[in-house]
């Protein structure tokens, strides 16, 4: 197992204490603030180290199929799980049914990621390489920051506002970048498509390390 893959696995295992601390913090009011802060810090570390394994794999020329699979998986798992918990504990009350809105946007985000993943698999089967662009990177940053603030949303109303606004912006950009990606690369679905490279496709950074792993 390569060093890059070990780092990716470490990031995946770090999801466990992040989730456990958040759950305990939401269940036990007496330790809510410190546990949510630690959970938020761990989540931030997970997001901030997103590029590390890909960078190491490229530098050491140690690409692995396992790494290509696990790296984007780690990014998706932590976002989806934390969104599920945030909706489940329903600790936000900025406007009526805001949790329903977050749940629906979370579903759209998950649908988008699954659609793009299948689309990329089809492209790969035809020998096509679909490049990432800035829109994906921006939407990943917005989602990461938004979810980080939502983890602490129950602590302070200002934090709650920031979390929801940033998350909503990230969710909208996620859906838009996914639609743009499909439209720009519609040739992938053509029966006559041959091997080649798309230089102006729109992919995202929730798959940023997926792209990095593919670049290794």
C-alpha atoms as a PDB file:
ATOM      1  CA  UNK A   1       0.000   0.000   0.000  1.00  0.00           C
ATOM      2  CA  UNK A   2       1.385   3.384  -1.008  1.00  0.00           C
ATOM      3  CA  UNK A   3       1.937   6.309   1.368  1.00  0.00           C
ATOM      4  CA  UNK A   4      -0.714   8.338  -0.454  1.00  0.00           C
ATOM      5  CA  UNK A   5      -3.279   5.565  -0.004  1.00  0.00           C
ATOM      6  CA  UNK A   6      -2.415   5.268   3.701  1.00  0.00           C
ATOM      7  CA  UNK A   7      -3.049   8.996   4.120  1.00  0.00           C
ATOM      8  CA  UNK A   8      -6.378   8.649   2.327  1.00  0.00           C
ATOM      9  CA  UNK A   9      -7.350   5.790   4.661  1.00  0.00           C
ATOM     10  CA  UNK A  10      -6.314   7.891   7.661  1.00  0.00           C
ATOM     11  CA  UNK A  11      -8.613  10.668   6.429  1.00  0.00           C
ATOM     12  CA  UNK A  12     -11.484   8.184   6.111  1.00  0.00           C
ATOM     13  CA  UNK A  13     -10.937   6.861   9.655  1.00  0.00           C
ATOM     14  CA  UNK A  14     -10.828  10.444  10.933  1.00  0.00           C
ATOM     15  CA  UNK A  15     -14.468  10.721   9.893  1.00  0.00           C
ATOM     16  CA  UNK A  16     -15.406   8.406  12.789  1.00  0.00           C
ATOM     17  CA  UNK A  17     -14.327  10.679  15.680  1.00  0.00           C
ATOM     18  CA  UNK A  18     -15.671  13.691  13.779  1.00  0.00           C
ATOM     19  CA  UNK A  19     -19.106  12.098  13.638  1.00  0.00           C
ATOM     20  CA  UNK A  20     -19.049  10.610  17.146  1.00  0.00           C
ATOM     21  CA  UNK A  21     -18.044  13.897  18.787  1.00  0.00           C
ATOM     22  CA  UNK A  22     -20.794  15.751  16.929  1.00  0.00           C
ATOM     23  CA  UNK A  23     -23.447  13.217  17.978  1.00  0.00           C
ATOM     24  CA  UNK A  24     -22.369  13.224  21.641  1.00  0.00           C
ATOM     25  CA  UNK A  25     -22.192  17.004  21.637  1.00  0.00           C
ATOM     26  CA  UNK A  26     -25.735  17.275  20.301  1.00  0.00           C
ATOM     27  CA  UNK A  27     -27.043  14.731  22.838  1.00  0.00           C
ATOM     28  CA  UNK A  28     -25.253  16.094  25.910  1.00  0.00           C
ATOM     29  CA  UNK A  29     -25.937  19.789  26.471  1.00  0.00           C
ATOM     30  CA  UNK A  30     -23.281  20.076  29.194  1.00  0.00           C
ATOM     31  CA  UNK A  31     -20.458  19.293  26.761  1.00  0.00           C
ATOM     32  CA  UNK A  32     -22.083  20.560  23.580  1.00  0.00           C
ATOM     33  CA  UNK A  33     -19.825  23.529  22.856  1.00  0.00           C
ATOM     34  CA  UNK A  34     -16.393  21.892  23.338  1.00  0.00           C
ATOM     35  CA  UNK A  35     -17.343  18.716  21.492  1.00  0.00           C
ATOM     36  CA  UNK A  36     -18.868  20.588  18.546  1.00  0.00           C
ATOM     37  CA  UNK A  37     -15.746  22.756  18.319  1.00  0.00           C
ATOM     38  CA  UNK A  38     -13.499  19.696  18.227  1.00  0.00           C
ATOM     39  CA  UNK A  39     -15.782  18.010  15.676  1.00  0.00           C
ATOM     40  CA  UNK A  40     -15.658  21.155  13.540  1.00  0.00           C
ATOM     41  CA  UNK A  41     -11.847  21.269  13.766  1.00  0.00           C
ATOM     42  CA  UNK A  42     -11.567  17.617  12.728  1.00  0.00           C
ATOM     43  CA  UNK A  43     -13.929  18.269   9.826  1.00  0.00           C
ATOM     44  CA  UNK A  44     -11.787  21.232   8.790  1.00  0.00           C
ATOM     45  CA  UNK A  45      -8.665  19.058   8.923  1.00  0.00           C
ATOM     46  CA  UNK A  46     -10.362  16.463   6.714  1.00  0.00           C
ATOM     47  CA  UNK A  47     -11.236  19.123   4.151  1.00  0.00           C
ATOM     48  CA  UNK A  48      -7.924  20.990   4.339  1.00  0.00           C
ATOM     49  CA  UNK A  49      -5.869  17.834   3.785  1.00  0.00           C
ATOM     50  CA  UNK A  50      -7.899  16.919   0.707  1.00  0.00           C
ATOM     51  CA  UNK A  51      -4.952  17.701  -1.573  1.00  0.00           C
ATOM     52  CA  UNK A  52      -2.195  16.024   0.473  1.00  0.00           C
ATOM     53  CA  UNK A  53      -2.567  12.404  -0.666  1.00  0.00           C
ATOM     54  CA  UNK A  54      -2.924  13.396  -4.316  1.00  0.00           C
ATOM     55  CA  UNK A  55       0.122  15.655  -4.139  1.00  0.00           C
ATOM     56  CA  UNK A  56       2.238  12.935  -2.527  1.00  0.00           C
ATOM     57  CA  UNK A  57       1.142  10.327  -5.064  1.00  0.00           C
ATOM     58  CA  UNK A  58       2.110  12.601  -7.956  1.00  0.00           C
ATOM     59  CA  UNK A  59       5.446  13.530  -6.438  1.00  0.00           C
ATOM     60  CA  UNK A  60       6.385   9.936  -5.632  1.00  0.00           C
ATOM     61  CA  UNK A  61       4.846   8.502  -8.805  1.00  0.00           C
ATOM     62  CA  UNK A  62       2.854   5.977  -6.782  1.00  0.00           C
ATOM     63  CA  UNK A  63      -0.519   5.931  -8.458  1.00  0.00           C
ATOM     64  CA  UNK A  64      -2.856   3.173  -7.324  1.00  0.00           C
ATOM     65  CA  UNK A  65      -6.333   2.096  -8.369  1.00  0.00           C
ATOM     66  CA  UNK A  66      -7.276   1.878  -4.686  1.00  0.00           C
ATOM     67  CA  UNK A  67      -6.198   5.473  -4.138  1.00  0.00           C
ATOM     68  CA  UNK A  68      -8.205   6.676  -7.126  1.00  0.00           C
ATOM     69  CA  UNK A  69     -11.269   4.996  -5.656  1.00  0.00           C
ATOM     70  CA  UNK A  70     -10.844   5.969  -2.003  1.00  0.00           C
ATOM     71  CA  UNK A  71      -9.809   9.597  -2.376  1.00  0.00           C
ATOM     72  CA  UNK A  72     -13.039  11.022  -3.869  1.00  0.00           C
ATOM     73  CA  UNK A  73     -15.018   8.592  -1.703  1.00  0.00           C
ATOM     74  CA  UNK A  74     -13.576  10.160   1.460  1.00  0.00           C
ATOM     75  CA  UNK A  75     -14.655  13.627   0.347  1.00  0.00           C
ATOM     76  CA  UNK A  76     -18.210  12.547  -0.417  1.00  0.00           C
ATOM     77  CA  UNK A  77     -18.702  10.475   2.747  1.00  0.00           C
ATOM     78  CA  UNK A  78     -17.811  13.218   5.215  1.00  0.00           C
ATOM     79  CA  UNK A  79     -20.059  15.820   3.541  1.00  0.00           C
ATOM     80  CA  UNK A  80     -23.048  13.475   3.172  1.00  0.00           C
ATOM     81  CA  UNK A  81     -22.786  12.068   6.716  1.00  0.00           C
ATOM     82  CA  UNK A  82     -22.432  15.481   8.351  1.00  0.00           C
ATOM     83  CA  UNK A  83     -25.351  16.883   6.354  1.00  0.00           C
ATOM     84  CA  UNK A  84     -27.477  13.919   7.413  1.00  0.00           C
ATOM     85  CA  UNK A  85     -26.635  14.517  11.081  1.00  0.00           C
ATOM     86  CA  UNK A  86     -27.243  18.262  10.838  1.00  0.00           C
ATOM     87  CA  UNK A  87     -30.705  17.609   9.382  1.00  0.00           C
ATOM     88  CA  UNK A  88     -31.414  14.812  11.853  1.00  0.00           C
ATOM     89  CA  UNK A  89     -30.685  16.901  14.956  1.00  0.00           C
ATOM     90  CA  UNK A  90     -32.540  19.882  13.479  1.00  0.00           C
ATOM     91  CA  UNK A  91     -30.715  22.524  15.516  1.00  0.00           C
ATOM     92  CA  UNK A  92     -31.355  25.378  13.046  1.00  0.00           C
ATOM     93  CA  UNK A  93     -34.330  27.710  13.114  1.00  0.00           C
ATOM     94  CA  UNK A  94     -33.543  30.703  10.935  1.00  0.00           C
ATOM     95  CA  UNK A  95     -36.705  30.345   8.864  1.00  0.00           C
ATOM     96  CA  UNK A  96     -39.610  27.868   8.623  1.00  0.00           C
ATOM     97  CA  UNK A  97     -38.590  24.471   7.254  1.00  0.00           C
ATOM     98  CA  UNK A  98     -34.942  25.425   6.753  1.00  0.00           C
ATOM     99  CA  UNK A  99     -33.999  21.830   7.572  1.00  0.00           C
ATOM    100  CA  UNK A 100     -36.236  20.625   4.760  1.00  0.00           C
ATOM    101  CA  UNK A 101     -34.450  22.969   2.362  1.00  0.00           C
ATOM    102  CA  UNK A 102     -31.040  21.727   3.514  1.00  0.00           C
ATOM    103  CA  UNK A 103     -32.201  18.109   3.178  1.00  0.00           C
ATOM    104  CA  UNK A 104     -33.459  18.706  -0.373  1.00  0.00           C
ATOM    105  CA  UNK A 105     -30.245  20.479  -1.349  1.00  0.00           C
ATOM    106  CA  UNK A 106     -28.252  17.640   0.184  1.00  0.00           C
ATOM    107  CA  UNK A 107     -30.208  15.202  -1.972  1.00  0.00           C
ATOM    108  CA  UNK A 108     -29.485  17.292  -5.072  1.00  0.00           C
ATOM    109  CA  UNK A 109     -25.787  17.393  -4.202  1.00  0.00           C
ATOM    110  CA  UNK A 110     -25.668  13.607  -3.783  1.00  0.00           C
ATOM    111  CA  UNK A 111     -27.590  13.085  -7.036  1.00  0.00           C
ATOM    112  CA  UNK A 112     -25.213  15.405  -8.859  1.00  0.00           C
ATOM    113  CA  UNK A 113     -22.137  13.601  -7.551  1.00  0.00           C
ATOM    114  CA  UNK A 114     -23.505  10.176  -8.482  1.00  0.00           C
ATOM    115  CA  UNK A 115     -24.480  11.411 -11.955  1.00  0.00           C
ATOM    116  CA  UNK A 116     -21.066  12.943 -12.577  1.00  0.00           C
ATOM    117  CA  UNK A 117     -19.306   9.805 -11.319  1.00  0.00           C
ATOM    118  CA  UNK A 118     -21.284   7.603 -13.722  1.00  0.00           C
ATOM    119  CA  UNK A 119     -20.680  10.095 -16.544  1.00  0.00           C
ATOM    120  CA  UNK A 120     -16.947  10.049 -15.870  1.00  0.00           C
ATOM    121  CA  UNK A 121     -16.973   6.250 -15.871  1.00  0.00           C
ATOM    122  CA  UNK A 122     -18.661   6.251 -19.285  1.00  0.00           C
ATOM    123  CA  UNK A 123     -16.084   8.751 -20.562  1.00  0.00           C
ATOM    124  CA  UNK A 124     -13.223   6.635 -19.234  1.00  0.00           C
ATOM    125  CA  UNK A 125     -14.627   3.565 -20.977  1.00  0.00           C
ATOM    126  CA  UNK A 126     -14.361   5.524 -24.253  1.00  0.00           C
ATOM    127  CA  UNK A 127     -10.843   6.705 -23.540  1.00  0.00           C
ATOM    128  CA  UNK A 128     -11.919  10.290 -22.835  1.00  0.00           C
ATOM    129  CA  UNK A 129     -10.234  12.451 -20.195  1.00  0.00           C
ATOM    130  CA  UNK A 130     -12.498  15.179 -18.820  1.00  0.00           C
ATOM    131  CA  UNK A 131     -10.580  18.032 -17.215  1.00  0.00           C
ATOM    132  CA  UNK A 132     -11.563  19.825 -14.008  1.00  0.00           C
ATOM    133  CA  UNK A 133     -12.107  23.574 -13.815  1.00  0.00           C
ATOM    134  CA  UNK A 134     -12.354  26.393 -11.295  1.00  0.00           C
ATOM    135  CA  UNK A 135     -16.108  26.085 -10.728  1.00  0.00           C
ATOM    136  CA  UNK A 136     -15.723  22.687  -9.106  1.00  0.00           C
ATOM    137  CA  UNK A 137     -12.984  23.926  -6.810  1.00  0.00           C
ATOM    138  CA  UNK A 138     -15.020  26.923  -5.713  1.00  0.00           C
ATOM    139  CA  UNK A 139     -18.129  24.850  -5.010  1.00  0.00           C
ATOM    140  CA  UNK A 140     -16.117  22.406  -2.896  1.00  0.00           C
ATOM    141  CA  UNK A 141     -14.668  25.214  -0.805  1.00  0.00           C
ATOM    142  CA  UNK A 142     -18.141  26.711  -0.314  1.00  0.00           C
ATOM    143  CA  UNK A 143     -19.644  23.374   0.734  1.00  0.00           C
ATOM    144  CA  UNK A 144     -16.774  22.627   3.118  1.00  0.00           C
ATOM    145  CA  UNK A 145     -16.967  26.066   4.754  1.00  0.00           C
ATOM    146  CA  UNK A 146     -20.759  25.974   4.869  1.00  0.00           C
ATOM    147  CA  UNK A 147     -20.914  22.572   6.550  1.00  0.00           C
ATOM    148  CA  UNK A 148     -18.163  23.559   9.006  1.00  0.00           C
ATOM    149  CA  UNK A 149     -20.250  26.539  10.132  1.00  0.00           C
ATOM    150  CA  UNK A 150     -23.423  24.438  10.230  1.00  0.00           C
ATOM    151  CA  UNK A 151     -21.710  22.055  12.660  1.00  0.00           C
ATOM    152  CA  UNK A 152     -21.511  24.992  15.083  1.00  0.00           C
ATOM    153  CA  UNK A 153     -24.818  26.530  14.015  1.00  0.00           C
ATOM    154  CA  UNK A 154     -26.591  25.760  17.287  1.00  0.00           C
ATOM    155  CA  UNK A 155     -23.987  27.697  19.254  1.00  0.00           C
ATOM    156  CA  UNK A 156     -24.531  31.145  17.777  1.00  0.00           C
ATOM    157  CA  UNK A 157     -27.100  32.690  15.438  1.00  0.00           C
ATOM    158  CA  UNK A 158     -24.483  34.579  13.414  1.00  0.00           C
ATOM    159  CA  UNK A 159     -22.602  31.326  12.787  1.00  0.00           C
ATOM    160  CA  UNK A 160     -25.921  29.768  11.780  1.00  0.00           C
ATOM    161  CA  UNK A 161     -26.587  32.506   9.234  1.00  0.00           C
ATOM    162  CA  UNK A 162     -23.111  32.250   7.747  1.00  0.00           C
ATOM    163  CA  UNK A 163     -23.357  28.468   7.537  1.00  0.00           C
ATOM    164  CA  UNK A 164     -26.704  28.448   5.763  1.00  0.00           C
ATOM    165  CA  UNK A 165     -25.845  31.232   3.310  1.00  0.00           C
ATOM    166  CA  UNK A 166     -22.488  29.724   2.338  1.00  0.00           C
ATOM    167  CA  UNK A 167     -23.958  26.226   2.109  1.00  0.00           C
ATOM    168  CA  UNK A 168     -26.835  27.409  -0.078  1.00  0.00           C
ATOM    169  CA  UNK A 169     -24.361  29.153  -2.386  1.00  0.00           C
ATOM    170  CA  UNK A 170     -22.240  25.999  -2.577  1.00  0.00           C
ATOM    171  CA  UNK A 171     -25.273  23.812  -3.252  1.00  0.00           C
ATOM    172  CA  UNK A 172     -26.488  26.039  -6.086  1.00  0.00           C
ATOM    173  CA  UNK A 173     -23.013  26.115  -7.633  1.00  0.00           C
ATOM    174  CA  UNK A 174     -22.785  22.334  -7.243  1.00  0.00           C
ATOM    175  CA  UNK A 175     -25.959  21.764  -9.249  1.00  0.00           C
ATOM    176  CA  UNK A 176     -25.036  24.419 -11.828  1.00  0.00           C
ATOM    177  CA  UNK A 177     -21.500  23.097 -12.336  1.00  0.00           C
ATOM    178  CA  UNK A 178     -22.863  19.569 -12.697  1.00  0.00           C
ATOM    179  CA  UNK A 179     -25.332  20.638 -15.379  1.00  0.00           C
ATOM    180  CA  UNK A 180     -22.588  22.623 -17.125  1.00  0.00           C
ATOM    181  CA  UNK A 181     -20.312  19.597 -16.984  1.00  0.00           C
ATOM    182  CA  UNK A 182     -22.901  17.349 -18.645  1.00  0.00           C
ATOM    183  CA  UNK A 183     -23.742  19.871 -21.348  1.00  0.00           C
ATOM    184  CA  UNK A 184     -20.120  20.683 -22.174  1.00  0.00           C
ATOM    185  CA  UNK A 185     -19.281  16.997 -22.445  1.00  0.00           C
ATOM    186  CA  UNK A 186     -22.446  15.694 -24.079  1.00  0.00           C
ATOM    187  CA  UNK A 187     -20.276  14.177 -26.806  1.00  0.00           C
ATOM    188  CA  UNK A 188     -19.417  11.456 -24.272  1.00  0.00           C
ATOM    189  CA  UNK A 189     -22.891   9.978 -24.792  1.00  0.00           C
ATOM    190  CA  UNK A 190     -22.579   9.984 -28.570  1.00  0.00           C
ATOM    191  CA  UNK A 191     -22.215   6.501 -30.037  1.00  0.00           C
ATOM    192  CA  UNK A 192     -19.474   7.753 -32.351  1.00  0.00           C
ATOM    193  CA  UNK A 193     -17.318   9.229 -29.569  1.00  0.00           C
ATOM    194  CA  UNK A 194     -13.681   8.240 -29.841  1.00  0.00           C
ATOM    195  CA  UNK A 195     -10.785   8.493 -27.430  1.00  0.00           C
ATOM    196  CA  UNK A 196      -9.520  11.960 -26.717  1.00  0.00           C
ATOM    197  CA  UNK A 197      -9.427  14.764 -24.212  1.00  0.00           C
ATOM    198  CA  UNK A 198     -11.922  17.490 -23.363  1.00  0.00           C
ATOM    199  CA  UNK A 199     -10.073  20.655 -22.391  1.00  0.00           C
ATOM    200  CA  UNK A 200     -13.003  22.826 -21.320  1.00  0.00           C
ATOM    201  CA  UNK A 201     -15.144  20.428 -19.290  1.00  0.00           C
ATOM    202  CA  UNK A 202     -16.463  21.421 -15.917  1.00  0.00           C
ATOM    203  CA  UNK A 203     -15.747  19.020 -13.102  1.00  0.00           C
ATOM    204  CA  UNK A 204     -15.561  19.707  -9.470  1.00  0.00           C
ATOM    205  CA  UNK A 205     -13.325  19.585  -6.533  1.00  0.00           C
ATOM    206  CA  UNK A 206     -15.616  17.414  -4.497  1.00  0.00           C
ATOM    207  CA  UNK A 207     -13.716  15.304  -6.967  1.00  0.00           C
ATOM    208  CA  UNK A 208     -10.626  17.470  -6.837  1.00  0.00           C
ATOM    209  CA  UNK A 209      -8.559  14.725  -5.333  1.00  0.00           C
ATOM    210  CA  UNK A 210     -10.266  12.231  -7.593  1.00  0.00           C
ATOM    211  CA  UNK A 211      -8.842  14.323 -10.405  1.00  0.00           C
ATOM    212  CA  UNK A 212      -5.524  14.575  -8.662  1.00  0.00           C
ATOM    213  CA  UNK A 213      -5.394  10.823  -8.243  1.00  0.00           C
ATOM    214  CA  UNK A 214      -6.261  10.433 -11.908  1.00  0.00           C
ATOM    215  CA  UNK A 215      -3.429  12.793 -12.746  1.00  0.00           C
ATOM    216  CA  UNK A 216      -0.889  10.784 -10.814  1.00  0.00           C
END
